[in-house]
Amino acid sequence: MDFDDNASEMLISGVVMAVEWDDDDDVTEIEISTDDDSYYVEKNALWEELVDFCDTQVEVTGIVTEEKDGTKQVLVTSYETLDDIDYDEEGIEYDDVYEEWRFENEEEEDEARYS
């Protein structure tokens, strides 16, 4: 398999995220979302496995390429799920983030309403 000059093998830690679905609500595109970036996952046998781990923290090794528009893609050669991560370590849970987001938006709506 030939890769472009901008291809390099990398270890990426992030969350598997579904980003596109078909009309039957089957996932058609996934990405690995990190704190700093997102990497579209190219389809291969491991892509099929990773679909089952949407919303799961993983470490993947793969060949990363970057398109001219800055979009990054990874062809996963191996992966490992990171089950032992304590998401409450910093006291932030999904519900807390959602409530905070909702509260912030309600404040903006109130400001707009009373302006």
C-alpha atoms as a PDB file:
ATOM      1  CA  MET A   1       0.000   0.000   0.000  1.00  0.00           C
ATOM      2  CA  ASP A   2       1.467   3.374  -1.015  1.00  0.00           C
ATOM      3  CA  PHE A   3       0.941   6.468   1.098  1.00  0.00           C
ATOM      4  CA  ASP A   4       1.445  10.135   0.352  1.00  0.00           C
ATOM      5  CA  ASP A   5       4.476  12.013   1.607  1.00  0.00           C
ATOM      6  CA  ASN A   6       2.234  13.581   4.261  1.00  0.00           C
ATOM      7  CA  ALA A   7       1.335  10.163   5.752  1.00  0.00           C
ATOM      8  CA  SER A   8       2.765   9.075   9.070  1.00  0.00           C
ATOM      9  CA  GLU A   9       2.061   6.359  11.610  1.00  0.00           C
ATOM     10  CA  MET A  10       0.670   7.756  14.848  1.00  0.00           C
ATOM     11  CA  LEU A  11      -0.806   6.705  18.179  1.00  0.00           C
ATOM     12  CA  ILE A  12      -4.051   8.593  18.817  1.00  0.00           C
ATOM     13  CA  SER A  13      -6.059   8.621  22.045  1.00  0.00           C
ATOM     14  CA  GLY A  14      -9.627   9.820  21.801  1.00  0.00           C
ATOM     15  CA  VAL A  15     -13.301   8.968  21.678  1.00  0.00           C
ATOM     16  CA  VAL A  16     -14.924   7.095  18.790  1.00  0.00           C
ATOM     17  CA  MET A  17     -17.724   9.318  17.482  1.00  0.00           C
ATOM     18  CA  ALA A  18     -20.384   8.548  14.882  1.00  0.00           C
ATOM     19  CA  VAL A  19     -20.560  11.489  12.465  1.00  0.00           C
ATOM     20  CA  GLU A  20     -22.795  10.261   9.611  1.00  0.00           C
ATOM     21  CA  TRP A  21     -25.712   7.858   9.328  1.00  0.00           C
ATOM     22  CA  ASP A  22     -27.694   6.392   6.444  1.00  0.00           C
ATOM     23  CA  ASP A  23     -31.501   6.419   6.067  1.00  0.00           C
ATOM     24  CA  ASP A  24     -31.745   3.297   8.270  1.00  0.00           C
ATOM     25  CA  ASP A  25     -29.767   5.060  11.064  1.00  0.00           C
ATOM     26  CA  ASP A  26     -26.752   2.814  10.496  1.00  0.00           C
ATOM     27  CA  VAL A  27     -23.427   4.544  11.099  1.00  0.00           C
ATOM     28  CA  THR A  28     -21.622   5.300   7.829  1.00  0.00           C
ATOM     29  CA  GLU A  29     -18.756   7.512   9.074  1.00  0.00           C
ATOM     30  CA  ILE A  30     -16.847   7.625  12.350  1.00  0.00           C
ATOM     31  CA  GLU A  31     -14.028   9.734  13.688  1.00  0.00           C
ATOM     32  CA  ILE A  32     -11.621   9.658  16.584  1.00  0.00           C
ATOM     33  CA  SER A  33     -12.117  12.883  18.499  1.00  0.00           C
ATOM     34  CA  THR A  34      -9.201  14.070  20.652  1.00  0.00           C
ATOM     35  CA  ASP A  35      -8.811  17.152  22.814  1.00  0.00           C
ATOM     36  CA  ASP A  36      -7.027  18.897  19.945  1.00  0.00           C
ATOM     37  CA  ASP A  37      -8.258  17.333  16.712  1.00  0.00           C
ATOM     38  CA  SER A  38     -10.557  14.937  14.885  1.00  0.00           C
ATOM     39  CA  TYR A  39      -9.505  12.098  12.588  1.00  0.00           C
ATOM     40  CA  TYR A  40     -11.958  10.520  10.148  1.00  0.00           C
ATOM     41  CA  VAL A  41     -11.506   6.748  10.245  1.00  0.00           C
ATOM     42  CA  GLU A  42     -10.936   5.161   6.844  1.00  0.00           C
ATOM     43  CA  LYS A  43     -12.963   2.036   6.197  1.00  0.00           C
ATOM     44  CA  ASN A  44     -11.307  -1.328   6.644  1.00  0.00           C
ATOM     45  CA  ALA A  45     -11.973  -4.407   8.810  1.00  0.00           C
ATOM     46  CA  LEU A  46     -11.040  -2.509  11.979  1.00  0.00           C
ATOM     47  CA  TRP A  47     -13.468   0.297  11.060  1.00  0.00           C
ATOM     48  CA  GLU A  48     -16.259  -2.284  11.254  1.00  0.00           C
ATOM     49  CA  GLU A  49     -15.133  -3.199  14.790  1.00  0.00           C
ATOM     50  CA  LEU A  50     -14.722   0.412  15.923  1.00  0.00           C
ATOM     51  CA  VAL A  51     -18.319   1.240  14.972  1.00  0.00           C
ATOM     52  CA  ASP A  52     -19.367  -0.938  17.909  1.00  0.00           C
ATOM     53  CA  PHE A  53     -17.305   1.288  20.237  1.00  0.00           C
ATOM     54  CA  CYS A  54     -18.972   4.646  19.506  1.00  0.00           C
ATOM     55  CA  ASP A  55     -18.723   6.945  22.544  1.00  0.00           C
ATOM     56  CA  THR A  56     -15.851   4.838  23.907  1.00  0.00           C
ATOM     57  CA  GLN A  57     -12.355   6.057  24.745  1.00  0.00           C
ATOM     58  CA  VAL A  58      -9.783   4.258  22.583  1.00  0.00           C
ATOM     59  CA  GLU A  59      -6.136   4.298  21.650  1.00  0.00           C
ATOM     60  CA  VAL A  60      -5.581   3.630  17.962  1.00  0.00           C
ATOM     61  CA  THR A  61      -2.441   3.194  15.930  1.00  0.00           C
ATOM     62  CA  GLY A  62      -2.703   4.004  12.270  1.00  0.00           C
ATOM     63  CA  ILE A  63      -1.498   5.788   9.188  1.00  0.00           C
ATOM     64  CA  VAL A  64      -2.556   9.447   9.351  1.00  0.00           C
ATOM     65  CA  THR A  65      -2.935  11.618   6.269  1.00  0.00           C
ATOM     66  CA  GLU A  66      -4.013  15.219   5.963  1.00  0.00           C
ATOM     67  CA  GLU A  67      -6.024  16.559   3.049  1.00  0.00           C
ATOM     68  CA  LYS A  68      -5.309  19.959   1.497  1.00  0.00           C
ATOM     69  CA  ASP A  69      -8.329  21.383   3.351  1.00  0.00           C
ATOM     70  CA  GLY A  70      -6.830  20.281   6.697  1.00  0.00           C
ATOM     71  CA  THR A  71      -9.105  17.267   7.202  1.00  0.00           C
ATOM     72  CA  LYS A  72      -7.216  14.424   8.888  1.00  0.00           C
ATOM     73  CA  GLN A  73      -7.850  10.741   8.246  1.00  0.00           C
ATOM     74  CA  VAL A  74      -6.524   7.638   9.940  1.00  0.00           C
ATOM     75  CA  LEU A  75      -6.274   4.125   8.547  1.00  0.00           C
ATOM     76  CA  VAL A  76      -6.385   2.143  11.784  1.00  0.00           C
ATOM     77  CA  THR A  77      -3.883  -0.719  12.029  1.00  0.00           C
ATOM     78  CA  SER A  78      -4.616  -1.589  15.679  1.00  0.00           C
ATOM     79  CA  TYR A  79      -6.688  -0.311  18.572  1.00  0.00           C
ATOM     80  CA  GLU A  80      -7.369  -0.799  22.255  1.00  0.00           C
ATOM     81  CA  THR A  81     -10.362   0.357  24.274  1.00  0.00           C
ATOM     82  CA  LEU A  82      -9.553   2.246  27.441  1.00  0.00           C
ATOM     83  CA  ASP A  83     -12.153   0.896  29.869  1.00  0.00           C
ATOM     84  CA  ASP A  84     -10.326   1.888  33.012  1.00  0.00           C
ATOM     85  CA  ILE A  85     -10.595   5.652  32.590  1.00  0.00           C
ATOM     86  CA  ASP A  86     -12.338   7.413  35.486  1.00  0.00           C
ATOM     87  CA  TYR A  87     -14.502  10.046  33.823  1.00  0.00           C
ATOM     88  CA  ASP A  88     -15.484  11.503  37.211  1.00  0.00           C
ATOM     89  CA  GLU A  89     -11.852  12.269  38.044  1.00  0.00           C
ATOM     90  CA  GLU A  90     -12.425  15.987  37.524  1.00  0.00           C
ATOM     91  CA  GLY A  91     -16.012  15.928  38.774  1.00  0.00           C
ATOM     92  CA  ILE A  92     -17.496  16.441  35.334  1.00  0.00           C
ATOM     93  CA  GLU A  93     -20.194  14.149  34.044  1.00  0.00           C
ATOM     94  CA  TYR A  94     -22.207  14.321  30.846  1.00  0.00           C
ATOM     95  CA  ASP A  95     -25.288  15.559  32.720  1.00  0.00           C
ATOM     96  CA  ASP A  96     -23.258  18.335  34.351  1.00  0.00           C
ATOM     97  CA  VAL A  97     -21.927  19.463  30.975  1.00  0.00           C
ATOM     98  CA  TYR A  98     -25.399  19.373  29.442  1.00  0.00           C
ATOM     99  CA  GLU A  99     -26.938  21.342  32.322  1.00  0.00           C
ATOM    100  CA  GLU A 100     -24.132  23.917  32.156  1.00  0.00           C
ATOM    101  CA  TRP A 101     -24.563  24.255  28.398  1.00  0.00           C
ATOM    102  CA  ARG A 102     -28.321  24.590  28.780  1.00  0.00           C
ATOM    103  CA  PHE A 103     -27.907  27.194  31.539  1.00  0.00           C
ATOM    104  CA  GLU A 104     -25.470  29.239  29.445  1.00  0.00           C
ATOM    105  CA  ASN A 105     -27.851  29.207  26.494  1.00  0.00           C
ATOM    106  CA  GLU A 106     -30.801  30.170  28.691  1.00  0.00           C
ATOM    107  CA  GLU A 107     -28.805  33.179  29.913  1.00  0.00           C
ATOM    108  CA  GLU A 108     -28.086  34.208  26.322  1.00  0.00           C
ATOM    109  CA  GLU A 109     -31.773  33.812  25.433  1.00  0.00           C
ATOM    110  CA  ASP A 110     -32.787  35.895  28.448  1.00  0.00           C
ATOM    111  CA  GLU A 111     -30.296  38.621  27.535  1.00  0.00           C
ATOM    112  CA  ALA A 112     -31.596  38.690  23.969  1.00  0.00           C
ATOM    113  CA  ARG A 113     -35.188  38.696  25.183  1.00  0.00           C
ATOM    114  CA  TYR A 114     -34.708  41.616  27.577  1.00  0.00           C
ATOM    115  CA  SER A 115     -32.460  43.715  25.321  1.00  0.00           C
END
